Amino acid sequence: MSDLPTVGAEEEFLLVDRQTGEPAPRNADVAAEAERRGVTLQLELSSCQVETTSGVAHTSAELGVELIRLRRGAAQAAQAGGLQLLALGLPPATPHELPVTDTERYQRIGAQFGMVAHEQGICGCHVHVEVPDRSAAVYAGNWLRPWLPSLLALSANSAIYHNADTGYASWRSVLWRRWPAAGPPPHFASAEEYDDTVRMLIDTEAILDHKMIYWDVRPSADLPTVEVRVADVPATVAETVLLATLIRAAVMTSLQARDRGEEPRRLPPAALRAAYWKAAHDGLAGRTIDLVHSRAVSAREQLGALVREVHPALDALGEYDRVVDELDRIAGQGNGAMRQRSAWRRRGEVRDVLAEAAAATVG
């Protein structure tokens, strides 16, 4: 592993009918068309979703180029079938149930978890950052816990659902936490404790397998990375790159703290839960909880504190100025949830939200 860890991102997208705006359960067709166009898509639990997976990137600019290529290829494949690809945390126009993808594993999940699975249709973004070993991944997860609400607030992109304003910036994160191993990760003393916990969840049939560990940070089961899964899928590539850059810098900062022998802060569960709720509800527009100092602050102030915390790592990456510029842009234009809500308030029409999302997805 080099001094600067590599980074990658997985983005989940909705497929909707271009005429009605409703989720379209045709992910297998779109994936086949994308493959013919040289873009590989993964199928998700809901058949109205697909996922892209970037290659390993050494710079934020390299990651951005790859994400643009993947989004455009996936969007073109969807368009060829009369569908639209959207970077939205949830479908704004939603039927009562969303069909589960027709694979053996997903059908088992659908049968065991019932309505939680059939109401899925949830799109997130998963950022992978290279780490030297699983113990480092667990340490990074512990270190990141106070900052996860800020990353959620930054990426919030699911304000409109069931043809209504939910009152939340990230309703996706509220729905997501219904799974048995989802939401903020517990504090683990070691990789062995993490593995013991996963085995217990599988042995007790709370989950089917290790892939159902949906905590917002986890050691990757297949890659030498820590995977940060807290975010809604961001509306734009620029926002995904910003998110990935901050996470990469945070992981770098955590590993430096580990080298110094520092112990990550243990957080009161009630405080972390409250901070998550505030981040999901307010997004960047309101207040949150500074979990380090146990006080109420604005969401943007807390995001600024994260930037200050990881400033040396951002400097090492050559990304500090770019991160500050992108945060300033978001402060002026809003993130995905803010722009969704602005589009909705014009007429209370889902089509306006879909048009906004479509332009942002491949813009």
Foldseek 3Di string as FASTA:
>chain_A
DDLQWWKKKKWKKFKAAPPPLEQDLQQVQLQVLLVVVVAHWDQDFFSRMIMGIFDTGRALVVRLVRLLVNLVSSQVSSVVVNIGIFQAQARLAYDQFTDTDPDPVSVVCCVPVPRLSRRQRGIWMKMWIADPAQQLQLLLLLQCLLVLLLLALLQQAYQHHNLDGPLWSHVSQVSQVVQPQEERHARDPGSVRVVVVQVVCCVVPSDVHPVSNHYQWHCDPPDNTIMGTSYRRWLASLSVSLSNLLSSLSSSLSVVCVVVVDHRDHFDPVLSVQQNVCSGNQRQNAWGANRVVGDIDHSVVSVVVSCVSSVVSCVVSVHSVVSVVVSVVCVVVNTNSVVLVVQCVVPSDSVSSVVVRSVRSND
